[in-house]
Protein backbone atom coordinates (compact mmCIF):
# COMPACT_ATOMS: atom_id res chain seq x y z
CA MET A 1 129.47 103.17 29.26
CA LYS A 2 130.66 99.66 29.83
CA LYS A 3 127.32 98.16 28.46
CA ASN A 4 127.97 100.01 25.19
CA ILE A 5 130.72 97.38 24.45
CA GLU A 6 128.20 94.63 23.86
CA ALA A 7 126.27 96.70 21.41
CA ILE A 8 129.26 98.08 19.31
CA ALA A 9 131.75 95.32 19.46
CA PRO A 10 130.13 93.10 16.84
CA VAL A 11 130.19 96.18 14.45
CA ILE A 12 133.84 96.92 15.20
CA ASP A 13 134.71 93.32 14.44
CA THR A 14 133.53 93.76 10.76
CA LEU A 15 135.48 97.04 10.22
CA SER A 16 139.06 97.73 9.25
CA PRO A 17 141.09 99.92 11.59
CA ALA A 18 140.48 103.03 9.63
CA GLU A 19 136.87 102.27 9.41
CA GLY A 20 136.65 101.48 13.12
CA LEU A 21 138.31 104.81 14.00
CA LYS A 22 135.79 106.67 11.80
CA TYR A 23 132.76 104.82 13.22
CA LEU A 24 133.66 105.52 16.80
CA SER A 25 134.62 109.17 16.14
CA GLU A 26 131.10 109.63 14.57
CA LEU A 27 129.34 107.67 17.30
CA PHE A 28 131.07 109.52 20.11
CA PRO A 29 131.94 112.95 18.66
CA GLY A 30 134.50 114.80 20.74
CA ASP A 31 134.79 111.91 23.16
CA VAL A 32 137.45 109.81 21.53
CA VAL A 33 141.17 110.28 22.27
CA PHE A 34 144.23 108.43 21.10
CA SER A 35 147.35 107.98 23.20
CA SER A 36 150.45 107.91 21.04
CA SER A 37 153.91 106.95 22.27
CA LEU A 38 155.18 107.68 18.77
CA GLY A 39 155.86 103.86 18.07
CA GLN A 40 155.30 102.34 14.70
CA GLU A 41 151.93 101.12 15.55
CA ASP A 42 150.89 104.60 16.87
CA GLN A 43 152.22 106.26 13.75
CA VAL A 44 149.98 104.09 11.68
CA ILE A 45 146.97 105.13 13.67
CA THR A 46 147.94 108.79 13.63
CA GLU A 47 148.10 108.58 9.78
CA MET A 48 144.62 106.94 9.76
CA ILE A 49 143.16 109.72 11.98
CA ALA A 50 144.91 112.68 10.23
CA THR A 51 144.20 111.56 6.56
CA GLN A 52 140.55 111.07 7.41
CA LYS A 53 140.34 114.32 9.34
CA LEU A 54 138.64 112.43 12.23
CA ASP A 55 137.36 114.05 15.41
CA ILE A 56 139.87 112.26 17.63
CA ARG A 57 142.20 113.96 19.99
CA ILE A 58 145.84 112.83 19.77
CA PHE A 59 147.99 113.15 22.91
CA SER A 60 151.32 111.77 24.08
CA LEU A 61 153.12 111.58 27.39
CA ASP A 62 156.41 113.33 27.70
CA THR A 63 158.06 111.55 30.71
CA GLY A 64 161.14 113.77 30.77
CA ARG A 65 163.31 110.79 29.91
CA LEU A 66 162.46 110.29 26.20
CA PHE A 67 164.96 109.69 23.48
CA PRO A 68 165.84 112.96 21.35
CA GLU A 69 164.85 110.89 18.38
CA THR A 70 161.33 110.49 19.82
CA LEU A 71 160.82 114.10 20.31
CA ASP A 72 162.23 114.85 16.83
CA LEU A 73 159.60 112.38 15.41
CA LEU A 74 156.91 114.20 17.27
CA ALA A 75 157.87 117.42 15.48
CA ARG A 76 158.06 115.66 12.08
CA THR A 77 154.72 113.94 12.59
CA GLU A 78 152.94 117.19 13.50
CA HIS A 79 154.49 118.88 10.47
CA LYS A 80 153.61 116.09 7.92
CA TYR A 81 150.00 115.72 9.12
CA LYS A 82 149.50 119.30 9.92
CA THR A 83 148.08 118.34 13.25
CA ARG A 84 148.96 119.04 16.97
CA ILE A 85 149.71 116.28 19.38
CA LYS A 86 148.93 117.47 22.87
CA LEU A 87 151.56 116.61 25.43
CA TYR A 88 151.06 115.77 28.97
CA TYR A 89 153.82 116.03 31.58
CA PRO A 90 154.36 114.50 35.05
CA ASN A 91 153.57 116.55 37.99
CA THR A 92 156.64 118.59 38.97
CA SER A 93 156.43 118.00 42.67
CA SER A 94 155.79 114.22 42.19
CA VAL A 95 158.98 113.93 40.08
CA GLU A 96 160.94 115.92 42.61
CA ASN A 97 159.82 113.65 45.56
CA LEU A 98 160.39 110.56 43.48
CA VAL A 99 163.95 111.45 42.57
CA SER A 100 164.59 112.58 46.15
CA ALA A 101 163.39 109.36 47.62
CA GLN A 102 165.02 106.85 45.17
CA GLY A 103 167.66 108.81 43.14
CA ILE A 104 167.66 109.81 39.56
CA ASN A 105 168.04 106.27 38.29
CA GLY A 106 166.56 104.48 41.16
CA PHE A 107 164.32 102.39 38.93
CA TYR A 108 167.22 100.13 38.28
CA ASP A 109 167.35 99.02 41.98
CA SER A 110 163.95 97.26 42.15
CA THR A 111 160.74 96.49 40.29
CA GLU A 112 158.84 98.50 42.96
CA ASN A 113 161.03 101.51 42.25
CA ARG A 114 160.64 101.13 38.47
CA LYS A 115 156.88 100.88 38.83
CA ASN A 116 156.82 103.92 41.15
CA CYS A 117 158.72 105.87 38.40
CA CYS A 118 156.29 104.72 35.66
CA TYR A 119 153.36 105.71 37.71
CA VAL A 120 154.64 109.22 38.37
CA ARG A 121 155.87 109.88 34.79
CA LYS A 122 153.17 107.90 32.79
CA VAL A 123 150.24 106.56 34.64
CA GLU A 124 149.21 109.61 36.50
CA PRO A 125 149.49 111.98 33.41
CA LEU A 126 147.45 109.43 31.42
CA LYS A 127 144.66 109.56 33.89
CA ARG A 128 144.54 113.28 33.46
CA ALA A 129 144.69 112.94 29.67
CA LEU A 130 141.75 110.48 29.70
CA GLN A 131 139.42 112.63 31.89
CA GLY A 132 136.05 112.97 30.20
CA ALA A 133 136.81 110.56 27.38
CA VAL A 134 134.41 107.76 26.38
CA ILE A 135 136.81 105.89 23.99
CA TRP A 136 140.55 105.49 24.43
CA VAL A 137 142.32 104.38 21.28
CA THR A 138 145.67 102.59 21.62
CA GLY A 139 148.20 101.00 19.32
CA LEU A 140 148.47 97.63 21.11
CA ARG A 141 149.09 94.57 19.07
CA ALA A 142 148.39 91.03 20.35
CA ASP A 143 151.69 89.50 19.42
CA GLN A 144 153.74 91.96 21.49
CA ASN A 145 153.58 89.91 24.59
CA ALA A 146 151.45 87.31 26.40
CA ASN A 147 149.44 89.80 28.38
CA ARG A 148 148.40 91.63 25.20
CA SER A 149 147.44 88.37 23.47
CA GLN A 150 144.44 88.14 25.92
CA MET A 151 142.98 91.50 25.03
CA HIS A 152 140.16 92.25 22.68
CA LYS A 153 139.71 94.93 20.09
CA LEU A 154 137.11 96.73 22.26
CA GLU A 155 137.29 96.24 26.03
CA TRP A 156 136.53 98.00 29.27
CA ASP A 157 139.33 99.54 31.11
CA ASP A 158 138.22 99.53 34.71
CA SER A 159 141.34 101.52 36.02
CA ASN A 160 140.47 104.52 33.95
CA LYS A 161 136.68 103.92 33.53
CA VAL A 162 136.78 104.10 29.75
CA ILE A 163 136.26 101.88 26.68
CA LYS A 164 139.55 100.93 25.17
CA TYR A 165 139.81 100.35 21.41
CA ASN A 166 142.78 98.50 20.04
CA PRO A 167 142.34 98.64 16.22
CA LEU A 168 145.70 97.01 15.30
CA LEU A 169 145.33 94.18 17.78
CA ASP A 170 145.24 91.48 15.16
CA TRP A 171 147.93 93.02 12.84
CA SER A 172 151.29 91.27 12.41
CA TYR A 173 154.49 93.09 12.72
CA ASP A 174 155.10 92.53 9.13
CA ALA A 175 151.64 93.89 8.05
CA MET A 176 152.37 97.06 10.09
CA LEU A 177 155.75 97.60 8.45
CA GLU A 178 154.16 97.20 5.09
CA TYR A 179 151.55 99.76 5.79
CA ILE A 180 154.23 102.26 6.98
CA GLN A 181 156.31 101.75 3.81
CA THR A 182 153.29 102.10 1.52
CA ASN A 183 152.00 105.23 3.06
CA LYS A 184 155.35 106.73 3.69
CA ILE A 185 154.69 107.14 7.39
CA PRO A 186 157.50 108.79 9.35
CA TYR A 187 158.93 106.63 12.14
CA ASN A 188 161.66 106.62 14.79
CA PRO A 189 165.07 105.89 13.26
CA LEU A 190 165.91 103.84 16.39
CA HIS A 191 163.60 101.11 15.03
CA ASP A 192 166.25 100.59 12.25
CA LYS A 193 168.83 99.98 14.98
CA GLY A 194 167.04 97.11 16.78
CA PHE A 195 164.88 99.20 19.11
CA ILE A 196 161.45 97.62 18.58
CA SER A 197 159.53 98.79 21.52
CA ILE A 198 160.73 102.38 22.44
CA GLY A 199 160.00 104.01 25.82
CA CYS A 200 162.14 106.12 28.16
CA ALA A 201 165.88 106.17 27.17
CA PRO A 202 167.23 104.62 30.49
CA CYS A 203 164.71 101.84 30.16
CA THR A 204 164.96 100.77 26.49
CA ARG A 205 167.63 98.76 24.62
CA ALA A 206 167.84 97.17 21.22
CA ILE A 207 166.88 93.58 20.96
CA ALA A 208 168.68 90.59 19.36
CA PRO A 209 167.19 88.77 16.48
CA GLY A 210 164.47 86.34 17.70
CA GLU A 211 164.02 88.17 21.02
CA ASN A 212 160.45 89.07 22.11
CA PRO A 213 159.50 92.67 20.94
CA ARG A 214 159.22 93.79 24.59
CA ALA A 215 162.58 92.13 25.62
CA GLY A 216 164.18 95.54 25.35
CA ARG A 217 162.06 97.22 27.89
CA TRP A 218 163.25 97.10 31.59
CA TRP A 219 165.63 94.30 30.54
CA TRP A 220 167.21 94.11 33.94
CA GLU A 221 164.06 92.64 35.62
CA ASP A 222 161.88 89.74 35.25
CA SER A 223 158.32 91.21 34.84
CA LYS A 224 155.44 91.23 32.36
CA LYS A 225 157.21 94.17 30.54
CA GLU A 226 154.34 96.65 31.32
CA CYS A 227 154.42 100.11 32.90
CA GLY A 228 150.88 100.04 34.13
CA LEU A 229 149.09 101.79 31.40
CA HIS A 230 147.68 98.73 29.94
CA ILE A 231 147.01 96.34 33.00
CA LYS A 232 143.28 95.60 33.53
C-alpha cells in the first residue's frame, strides 16, 4: 500500500478536499474510513462525505470521558445527515486495570500516566477501527501545531500500516469557519466558549485569545499536545 502514495499524491494535490474524498472512495471502494472526533474540521469532512453519499465509513472513539455536548453533537450530526457514525469503545478490562493502577484521574500525575490513559481509551480502539482499511481520512490542519505542520496531505502511517489522507491540511482556521457557516454545519457549542480543540472533558479547557489552538489540551504538562493517534 505504501507505494500507492507516489502514484496518487500528485493527483490529490490538484483536487479540493471534496474532490479528493470522492476520488479515493472510488479508487478504494469499501476501504476508506474517516475518524471523527466531532471537532469543527471533522464536521466539515462529514458534510462532504454525507452530501456526496460517498462510500466512506465514518467512526468515532467514545473514550468514556467525553463532554455531554460532544455526544449531543454526535446525535444531531447523525440526524441532519441521515447517517450512522460507528462508535468504538475502550476495552473494559483495560480501563478497569488502568483506573485500578493510577486512579480515576491519574493522568494529572505524570505525562506517562496521561499517555497510558490515551492509549487505553483512544489508541487501542483506533487500531481496531482501522483494521482492514487502506485509506484513513483525518481532519488534521497544519496550523494546529508544529508537529502537524510537517505533515503531508497523503502520507504513510507506519504505526497503523495505512495511508493517511489529511484533506484540510492547508486550510486556515478562518476558511474552515466560513465553510461551516456557509453550509450550516452543526458544531459543538463549546467552540463558542473558547474551547477550540475538544477532547476528553478532564483534559480540555478553553484557551485565551492568541493562545495556540492545542494549548487547551493537557494544559498541565509540557508536551507536543498529542495523544498518540497522529504520531508517525
